[in-house]
Amino acid sequence: MNYLRKSKNRFISKVELVSALDEGSFLINPPSGFTDDSIPVEYNQLYFTINTITLSQKSKPSNAGPVWTVELDFSFPYWAGCEEFIDRFKYLSEIKLTLNTGEISRLNKHDISLNKPIEATIQTNVRTVNFSAPITQMQPFKLN
């Protein structure tokens, strides 16, 4: 029996943040995926750079079974007017991730009309904005 498995080098190639406050979304779609330390992106006709996006998950035991916390993190330079971005995307209805393999993962609360939206944790200083979106759920995220 051959126990060696072929695995693909997966990385996130596209991220879309879908606001829970309006119909808008913020698409980050670098041509080569998130492979460099900083990537040029555009928001409201303003260009800035964003650091590599990370996605992680961890489980914690509970009486009802494991509880999973999935977290999306990224940071970008603070710019004049980024308060509009923070206000618009501090509450999310969904995060759509596309991998270089074509797999897609949709991170969301299972029923947005009954549950609170995803609440991003945002930390700023005079140079950078750190954006983190933790989601607690009963199952790990899936790739389709």
C-alpha atoms as a PDB file:
ATOM      1  CA  MET A   1       0.000   0.000   0.000  1.00  0.00           C
ATOM      2  CA  ASN A   2       1.221   3.458  -0.829  1.00  0.00           C
ATOM      3  CA  TYR A   3       0.674   5.778   2.099  1.00  0.00           C
ATOM      4  CA  LEU A   4       2.160   8.765   0.338  1.00  0.00           C
ATOM      5  CA  ARG A   5      -0.520  11.201  -0.697  1.00  0.00           C
ATOM      6  CA  LYS A   6      -0.245  13.899  -3.269  1.00  0.00           C
ATOM      7  CA  SER A   7      -1.219  17.234  -1.805  1.00  0.00           C
ATOM      8  CA  LYS A   8      -1.666  20.549  -3.518  1.00  0.00           C
ATOM      9  CA  ASN A   9       0.009  23.706  -2.359  1.00  0.00           C
ATOM     10  CA  ARG A  10      -3.105  25.667  -1.421  1.00  0.00           C
ATOM     11  CA  PHE A  11      -3.229  29.390  -0.871  1.00  0.00           C
ATOM     12  CA  ILE A  12      -5.962  32.000  -0.848  1.00  0.00           C
ATOM     13  CA  SER A  13      -6.253  33.706  -4.214  1.00  0.00           C
ATOM     14  CA  LYS A  14      -9.328  35.907  -3.670  1.00  0.00           C
ATOM     15  CA  VAL A  15     -11.243  37.277  -0.660  1.00  0.00           C
ATOM     16  CA  GLU A  16     -14.589  39.052  -0.637  1.00  0.00           C
ATOM     17  CA  LEU A  17     -15.965  40.759   2.469  1.00  0.00           C
ATOM     18  CA  VAL A  18     -19.747  41.166   2.271  1.00  0.00           C
ATOM     19  CA  SER A  19     -21.088  43.963   4.476  1.00  0.00           C
ATOM     20  CA  ALA A  20     -24.064  43.276   6.726  1.00  0.00           C
ATOM     21  CA  LEU A  21     -24.943  46.989   6.754  1.00  0.00           C
ATOM     22  CA  ASP A  22     -25.554  47.517   3.039  1.00  0.00           C
ATOM     23  CA  GLU A  23     -25.418  45.753  -0.324  1.00  0.00           C
ATOM     24  CA  GLY A  24     -21.711  46.419  -0.768  1.00  0.00           C
ATOM     25  CA  SER A  25     -18.784  44.074  -0.786  1.00  0.00           C
ATOM     26  CA  PHE A  26     -15.016  44.507  -0.824  1.00  0.00           C
ATOM     27  CA  LEU A  27     -13.211  42.208  -3.248  1.00  0.00           C
ATOM     28  CA  ILE A  28      -9.475  41.631  -2.908  1.00  0.00           C
ATOM     29  CA  ASN A  29      -8.365  39.798  -6.037  1.00  0.00           C
ATOM     30  CA  PRO A  30      -4.597  40.011  -6.635  1.00  0.00           C
ATOM     31  CA  PRO A  31      -3.503  38.592 -10.013  1.00  0.00           C
ATOM     32  CA  SER A  32      -1.080  36.072  -8.462  1.00  0.00           C
ATOM     33  CA  GLY A  33      -2.937  35.406  -5.210  1.00  0.00           C
ATOM     34  CA  PHE A  34      -1.604  36.307  -1.783  1.00  0.00           C
ATOM     35  CA  THR A  35       1.968  35.240  -2.393  1.00  0.00           C
ATOM     36  CA  ASP A  36       3.869  38.503  -1.735  1.00  0.00           C
ATOM     37  CA  ASP A  37       4.289  40.389   1.509  1.00  0.00           C
ATOM     38  CA  SER A  38       2.277  43.347   0.262  1.00  0.00           C
ATOM     39  CA  ILE A  39      -0.369  43.464  -2.437  1.00  0.00           C
ATOM     40  CA  PRO A  40      -1.839  46.534  -4.132  1.00  0.00           C
ATOM     41  CA  VAL A  41      -5.627  46.762  -3.711  1.00  0.00           C
ATOM     42  CA  GLU A  42      -8.228  49.387  -4.555  1.00  0.00           C
ATOM     43  CA  TYR A  43     -11.093  50.691  -2.445  1.00  0.00           C
ATOM     44  CA  ASN A  44     -13.224  53.613  -3.673  1.00  0.00           C
ATOM     45  CA  GLN A  45     -10.624  54.463  -6.327  1.00  0.00           C
ATOM     46  CA  LEU A  46      -7.882  54.635  -3.692  1.00  0.00           C
ATOM     47  CA  TYR A  47      -4.891  52.301  -3.969  1.00  0.00           C
ATOM     48  CA  PHE A  48      -3.110  50.958  -0.922  1.00  0.00           C
ATOM     49  CA  THR A  49      -1.249  47.790   0.008  1.00  0.00           C
ATOM     50  CA  ILE A  50      -2.432  44.895   2.107  1.00  0.00           C
ATOM     51  CA  ASN A  51      -0.346  42.280   3.892  1.00  0.00           C
ATOM     52  CA  THR A  52      -0.836  38.584   3.310  1.00  0.00           C
ATOM     53  CA  ILE A  53      -4.212  37.343   4.476  1.00  0.00           C
ATOM     54  CA  THR A  54      -4.202  34.447   6.921  1.00  0.00           C
ATOM     55  CA  LEU A  55      -6.992  32.029   7.708  1.00  0.00           C
ATOM     56  CA  SER A  56      -6.834  29.791  10.753  1.00  0.00           C
ATOM     57  CA  GLN A  57      -9.164  27.674  12.810  1.00  0.00           C
ATOM     58  CA  LYS A  58      -8.943  26.006  16.175  1.00  0.00           C
ATOM     59  CA  SER A  59     -11.256  23.812  18.155  1.00  0.00           C
ATOM     60  CA  LYS A  60     -12.192  23.863  21.813  1.00  0.00           C
ATOM     61  CA  PRO A  61     -13.997  21.019  23.550  1.00  0.00           C
ATOM     62  CA  SER A  62     -17.434  21.651  25.027  1.00  0.00           C
ATOM     63  CA  ASN A  63     -20.194  19.497  26.518  1.00  0.00           C
ATOM     64  CA  ALA A  64     -22.016  19.430  23.169  1.00  0.00           C
ATOM     65  CA  GLY A  65     -18.893  18.594  21.154  1.00  0.00           C
ATOM     66  CA  PRO A  66     -16.083  20.646  19.676  1.00  0.00           C
ATOM     67  CA  VAL A  67     -16.628  24.337  18.992  1.00  0.00           C
ATOM     68  CA  TRP A  68     -14.586  25.790  16.142  1.00  0.00           C
ATOM     69  CA  THR A  69     -13.295  29.345  15.861  1.00  0.00           C
ATOM     70  CA  VAL A  70     -12.360  30.320  12.318  1.00  0.00           C
ATOM     71  CA  GLU A  71     -10.424  33.569  11.999  1.00  0.00           C
ATOM     72  CA  LEU A  72      -9.493  35.703   9.010  1.00  0.00           C
ATOM     73  CA  ASP A  73      -6.705  38.260   9.620  1.00  0.00           C
ATOM     74  CA  PHE A  74      -5.040  40.929   7.527  1.00  0.00           C
ATOM     75  CA  SER A  75      -3.537  44.362   7.961  1.00  0.00           C
ATOM     76  CA  PHE A  76      -3.085  47.401   5.763  1.00  0.00           C
ATOM     77  CA  PRO A  77      -1.633  50.904   6.059  1.00  0.00           C
ATOM     78  CA  TYR A  78      -3.777  53.540   7.735  1.00  0.00           C
ATOM     79  CA  TRP A  79      -4.899  56.134   5.190  1.00  0.00           C
ATOM     80  CA  ALA A  80      -6.978  59.293   5.452  1.00  0.00           C
ATOM     81  CA  GLY A  81     -10.574  58.179   5.051  1.00  0.00           C
ATOM     82  CA  CYS A  82     -10.179  54.534   6.096  1.00  0.00           C
ATOM     83  CA  GLU A  83     -12.799  55.175   8.791  1.00  0.00           C
ATOM     84  CA  GLU A  84     -15.428  54.738   6.049  1.00  0.00           C
ATOM     85  CA  PHE A  85     -14.009  51.294   5.274  1.00  0.00           C
ATOM     86  CA  ILE A  86     -13.984  50.389   8.979  1.00  0.00           C
ATOM     87  CA  ASP A  87     -17.588  51.555   9.489  1.00  0.00           C
ATOM     88  CA  ARG A  88     -18.807  49.725   6.403  1.00  0.00           C
ATOM     89  CA  PHE A  89     -17.083  46.393   7.033  1.00  0.00           C
ATOM     90  CA  LYS A  90     -17.051  46.088  10.835  1.00  0.00           C
ATOM     91  CA  TYR A  91     -20.197  43.936  10.529  1.00  0.00           C
ATOM     92  CA  LEU A  92     -20.107  41.222   7.882  1.00  0.00           C
ATOM     93  CA  SER A  93     -22.795  38.894   6.616  1.00  0.00           C
ATOM     94  CA  GLU A  94     -20.286  36.663   4.845  1.00  0.00           C
ATOM     95  CA  ILE A  95     -16.659  36.154   3.877  1.00  0.00           C
ATOM     96  CA  LYS A  96     -16.037  34.379   0.567  1.00  0.00           C
ATOM     97  CA  LEU A  97     -12.617  32.799   0.059  1.00  0.00           C
ATOM     98  CA  THR A  98     -11.366  31.328  -3.211  1.00  0.00           C
ATOM     99  CA  LEU A  99      -8.260  29.158  -3.268  1.00  0.00           C
ATOM    100  CA  ASN A 100      -5.792  28.704  -6.109  1.00  0.00           C
ATOM    101  CA  THR A 101      -7.187  25.180  -6.575  1.00  0.00           C
ATOM    102  CA  GLY A 102     -10.641  26.579  -7.410  1.00  0.00           C
ATOM    103  CA  GLU A 103     -12.101  25.536  -4.063  1.00  0.00           C
ATOM    104  CA  ILE A 104     -14.419  28.048  -2.402  1.00  0.00           C
ATOM    105  CA  SER A 105     -15.241  28.515   1.257  1.00  0.00           C
ATOM    106  CA  ARG A 106     -18.052  30.712   2.500  1.00  0.00           C
ATOM    107  CA  LEU A 107     -17.655  31.747   6.109  1.00  0.00           C
ATOM    108  CA  ASN A 108     -20.855  33.042   7.681  1.00  0.00           C
ATOM    109  CA  LYS A 109     -23.336  32.634  10.444  1.00  0.00           C
ATOM    110  CA  HIS A 110     -25.794  29.954   9.398  1.00  0.00           C
ATOM    111  CA  ASP A 111     -28.854  32.204   9.441  1.00  0.00           C
ATOM    112  CA  ILE A 112     -28.051  35.911   9.217  1.00  0.00           C
ATOM    113  CA  SER A 113     -31.664  36.905   9.940  1.00  0.00           C
ATOM    114  CA  LEU A 114     -31.594  35.092  13.301  1.00  0.00           C
ATOM    115  CA  ASN A 115     -27.945  35.457  14.285  1.00  0.00           C
ATOM    116  CA  LYS A 116     -25.836  38.500  14.848  1.00  0.00           C
ATOM    117  CA  PRO A 117     -23.586  39.354  11.901  1.00  0.00           C
ATOM    118  CA  ILE A 118     -19.881  38.561  12.003  1.00  0.00           C
ATOM    119  CA  GLU A 119     -18.305  41.296  14.093  1.00  0.00           C
ATOM    120  CA  ALA A 120     -14.790  42.204  13.029  1.00  0.00           C
ATOM    121  CA  THR A 121     -12.170  43.167  15.564  1.00  0.00           C
ATOM    122  CA  ILE A 122     -10.264  46.199  14.349  1.00  0.00           C
ATOM    123  CA  GLN A 123      -7.130  47.591  15.926  1.00  0.00           C
ATOM    124  CA  THR A 124      -5.500  50.763  14.601  1.00  0.00           C
ATOM    125  CA  ASN A 125      -2.496  52.921  15.274  1.00  0.00           C
ATOM    126  CA  VAL A 126      -1.031  55.837  13.335  1.00  0.00           C
ATOM    127  CA  ARG A 127       0.543  53.466  10.777  1.00  0.00           C
ATOM    128  CA  THR A 128      -1.593  50.348  10.327  1.00  0.00           C
ATOM    129  CA  VAL A 129      -5.068  48.874  10.624  1.00  0.00           C
ATOM    130  CA  ASN A 130      -5.326  45.256  11.774  1.00  0.00           C
ATOM    131  CA  PHE A 131      -8.569  43.580  10.701  1.00  0.00           C
ATOM    132  CA  SER A 132      -9.625  40.292  12.264  1.00  0.00           C
ATOM    133  CA  ALA A 133     -12.931  38.474  11.725  1.00  0.00           C
ATOM    134  CA  PRO A 134     -13.488  35.554  14.136  1.00  0.00           C
ATOM    135  CA  ILE A 135     -16.448  33.229  13.582  1.00  0.00           C
ATOM    136  CA  THR A 136     -17.503  30.651  16.167  1.00  0.00           C
ATOM    137  CA  GLN A 137     -19.326  27.649  14.747  1.00  0.00           C
ATOM    138  CA  MET A 138     -20.077  24.009  15.474  1.00  0.00           C
ATOM    139  CA  GLN A 139     -18.255  22.622  12.419  1.00  0.00           C
ATOM    140  CA  PRO A 140     -14.903  23.422  10.798  1.00  0.00           C
ATOM    141  CA  PHE A 141     -14.961  25.414   7.578  1.00  0.00           C
ATOM    142  CA  LYS A 142     -15.420  23.428   4.401  1.00  0.00           C
ATOM    143  CA  LEU A 143     -13.931  23.805   0.954  1.00  0.00           C
ATOM    144  CA  ASN A 144     -16.229  23.102  -1.989  1.00  0.00           C
END
